[in-house]
Amino acid sequence: MKILKPTSQFKKDLKCTERRGLDLSVLYNFLKLLCNEQIIPPEYKAHFLHGNMEGYRECHLKPGWLLIWKEDKNNLYLTRTGSHSDL
């Protein structure tokens, strides 16, 4: 099981997401999948990023709600969450 390591920016993004009234259980359920190293269902459209975000992954939790993270063997580094314009 991987350990979650949220960045300070992710924590700020999460507060903003909560203020917008989005259902955080969607995020928590997705994070359970990642922590348990399960296969990500295709509806999340998970993909690797390029350029200056090389090595990071992004998924669509809901239309207009994204999550960016990076992972290694033991950890999940939660980097950003929010809309396209936020990120």
C-alpha atoms as a PDB file:
ATOM      1  CA  MET A   1       0.000   0.000   0.000  1.00  0.00           C
ATOM      2  CA  LYS A   2       1.363   3.400  -1.003  1.00  0.00           C
ATOM      3  CA  ILE A   3       1.568   6.349   1.381  1.00  0.00           C
ATOM      4  CA  LEU A   4      -0.140   9.650   0.454  1.00  0.00           C
ATOM      5  CA  LYS A   5       2.140  12.695   0.473  1.00  0.00           C
ATOM      6  CA  PRO A   6       0.098  15.834  -0.326  1.00  0.00           C
ATOM      7  CA  THR A   7       1.982  19.002  -1.256  1.00  0.00           C
ATOM      8  CA  SER A   8       1.069  22.305   0.382  1.00  0.00           C
ATOM      9  CA  GLN A   9      -0.401  23.442  -2.958  1.00  0.00           C
ATOM     10  CA  PHE A  10      -2.579  20.330  -3.082  1.00  0.00           C
ATOM     11  CA  LYS A  11      -3.902  21.115   0.410  1.00  0.00           C
ATOM     12  CA  LYS A  12      -4.840  24.635  -0.751  1.00  0.00           C
ATOM     13  CA  ASP A  13      -6.478  23.210  -3.876  1.00  0.00           C
ATOM     14  CA  LEU A  14      -8.440  20.734  -1.750  1.00  0.00           C
ATOM     15  CA  LYS A  15      -9.867  23.537   0.409  1.00  0.00           C
ATOM     16  CA  CYS A  16     -10.921  25.396  -2.737  1.00  0.00           C
ATOM     17  CA  THR A  17     -12.507  22.229  -4.135  1.00  0.00           C
ATOM     18  CA  GLU A  18     -14.427  21.733  -0.912  1.00  0.00           C
ATOM     19  CA  ARG A  19     -15.694  25.345  -0.989  1.00  0.00           C
ATOM     20  CA  ARG A  20     -16.999  24.730  -4.516  1.00  0.00           C
ATOM     21  CA  GLY A  21     -19.203  21.982  -3.124  1.00  0.00           C
ATOM     22  CA  LEU A  22     -17.665  19.117  -5.078  1.00  0.00           C
ATOM     23  CA  ASP A  23     -18.170  15.631  -3.663  1.00  0.00           C
ATOM     24  CA  LEU A  24     -14.814  14.811  -2.070  1.00  0.00           C
ATOM     25  CA  SER A  25     -15.773  11.142  -1.771  1.00  0.00           C
ATOM     26  CA  VAL A  26     -15.035  10.911  -5.520  1.00  0.00           C
ATOM     27  CA  LEU A  27     -11.452  11.977  -4.815  1.00  0.00           C
ATOM     28  CA  TYR A  28     -11.107   9.716  -1.771  1.00  0.00           C
ATOM     29  CA  ASN A  29     -12.392   6.676  -3.672  1.00  0.00           C
ATOM     30  CA  PHE A  30      -9.904   7.327  -6.470  1.00  0.00           C
ATOM     31  CA  LEU A  31      -7.064   7.708  -3.968  1.00  0.00           C
ATOM     32  CA  LYS A  32      -7.987   4.334  -2.467  1.00  0.00           C
ATOM     33  CA  LEU A  33      -7.521   2.795  -5.919  1.00  0.00           C
ATOM     34  CA  LEU A  34      -4.097   4.403  -6.251  1.00  0.00           C
ATOM     35  CA  CYS A  35      -2.939   3.507  -2.736  1.00  0.00           C
ATOM     36  CA  ASN A  36      -3.928  -0.111  -3.231  1.00  0.00           C
ATOM     37  CA  GLU A  37      -2.241  -0.147  -6.666  1.00  0.00           C
ATOM     38  CA  GLN A  38      -5.420  -1.230  -8.422  1.00  0.00           C
ATOM     39  CA  ILE A  39      -6.089  -0.748 -12.116  1.00  0.00           C
ATOM     40  CA  ILE A  40      -7.496   2.708 -12.853  1.00  0.00           C
ATOM     41  CA  PRO A  41     -10.861   2.432 -14.649  1.00  0.00           C
ATOM     42  CA  PRO A  42     -10.904   4.028 -18.127  1.00  0.00           C
ATOM     43  CA  GLU A  43     -13.595   6.582 -17.196  1.00  0.00           C
ATOM     44  CA  TYR A  44     -10.917   8.506 -15.268  1.00  0.00           C
ATOM     45  CA  LYS A  45      -8.909   9.043 -18.486  1.00  0.00           C
ATOM     46  CA  ALA A  46      -5.619   8.742 -16.581  1.00  0.00           C
ATOM     47  CA  HIS A  47      -2.550   9.660 -18.605  1.00  0.00           C
ATOM     48  CA  PHE A  48       1.057  10.784 -18.237  1.00  0.00           C
ATOM     49  CA  LEU A  49       1.928  14.451 -18.648  1.00  0.00           C
ATOM     50  CA  HIS A  50       4.721  15.814 -20.837  1.00  0.00           C
ATOM     51  CA  GLY A  51       7.042  18.789 -20.920  1.00  0.00           C
ATOM     52  CA  ASN A  52       7.813  20.394 -17.575  1.00  0.00           C
ATOM     53  CA  MET A  53       5.372  17.943 -15.927  1.00  0.00           C
ATOM     54  CA  GLU A  54       7.232  14.874 -17.217  1.00  0.00           C
ATOM     55  CA  GLY A  55       6.765  11.968 -14.808  1.00  0.00           C
ATOM     56  CA  TYR A  56       3.451  13.238 -13.449  1.00  0.00           C
ATOM     57  CA  ARG A  57       0.054  11.708 -14.142  1.00  0.00           C
ATOM     58  CA  GLU A  58      -3.336  13.351 -14.524  1.00  0.00           C
ATOM     59  CA  CYS A  59      -6.874  12.030 -14.369  1.00  0.00           C
ATOM     60  CA  HIS A  60     -10.386  13.413 -14.695  1.00  0.00           C
ATOM     61  CA  LEU A  61     -12.278  12.722 -11.469  1.00  0.00           C
ATOM     62  CA  LYS A  62     -15.364  14.365 -12.991  1.00  0.00           C
ATOM     63  CA  PRO A  63     -15.765  16.560 -16.068  1.00  0.00           C
ATOM     64  CA  GLY A  64     -13.855  19.725 -15.199  1.00  0.00           C
ATOM     65  CA  TRP A  65     -12.213  18.264 -12.067  1.00  0.00           C
ATOM     66  CA  LEU A  66      -8.631  17.033 -12.417  1.00  0.00           C
ATOM     67  CA  LEU A  67      -6.047  15.416 -10.178  1.00  0.00           C
ATOM     68  CA  ILE A  68      -2.283  15.551 -10.796  1.00  0.00           C
ATOM     69  CA  TRP A  69       0.065  13.221  -8.961  1.00  0.00           C
ATOM     70  CA  LYS A  70       3.449  11.575  -9.113  1.00  0.00           C
ATOM     71  CA  GLU A  71       4.340   8.218  -7.654  1.00  0.00           C
ATOM     72  CA  ASP A  72       7.304   6.085  -6.784  1.00  0.00           C
ATOM     73  CA  LYS A  73       7.569   2.604  -5.336  1.00  0.00           C
ATOM     74  CA  ASN A  74       6.159   3.527  -1.898  1.00  0.00           C
ATOM     75  CA  ASN A  75       4.575   6.988  -2.149  1.00  0.00           C
ATOM     76  CA  LEU A  76       1.905   8.990  -3.963  1.00  0.00           C
ATOM     77  CA  TYR A  77       2.755  12.674  -4.203  1.00  0.00           C
ATOM     78  CA  LEU A  78      -0.526  14.570  -4.590  1.00  0.00           C
ATOM     79  CA  THR A  79       0.424  17.698  -6.508  1.00  0.00           C
ATOM     80  CA  ARG A  80      -2.702  19.560  -7.684  1.00  0.00           C
ATOM     81  CA  THR A  81      -6.457  19.215  -7.974  1.00  0.00           C
ATOM     82  CA  GLY A  82      -9.028  21.522  -9.536  1.00  0.00           C
ATOM     83  CA  SER A  83     -10.373  22.644 -12.888  1.00  0.00           C
ATOM     84  CA  HIS A  84      -8.334  23.070 -16.074  1.00  0.00           C
ATOM     85  CA  SER A  85      -8.181  26.820 -15.492  1.00  0.00           C
ATOM     86  CA  ASP A  86      -7.004  26.306 -11.880  1.00  0.00           C
ATOM     87  CA  LEU A  87      -4.147  24.105 -12.963  1.00  0.00           C
END
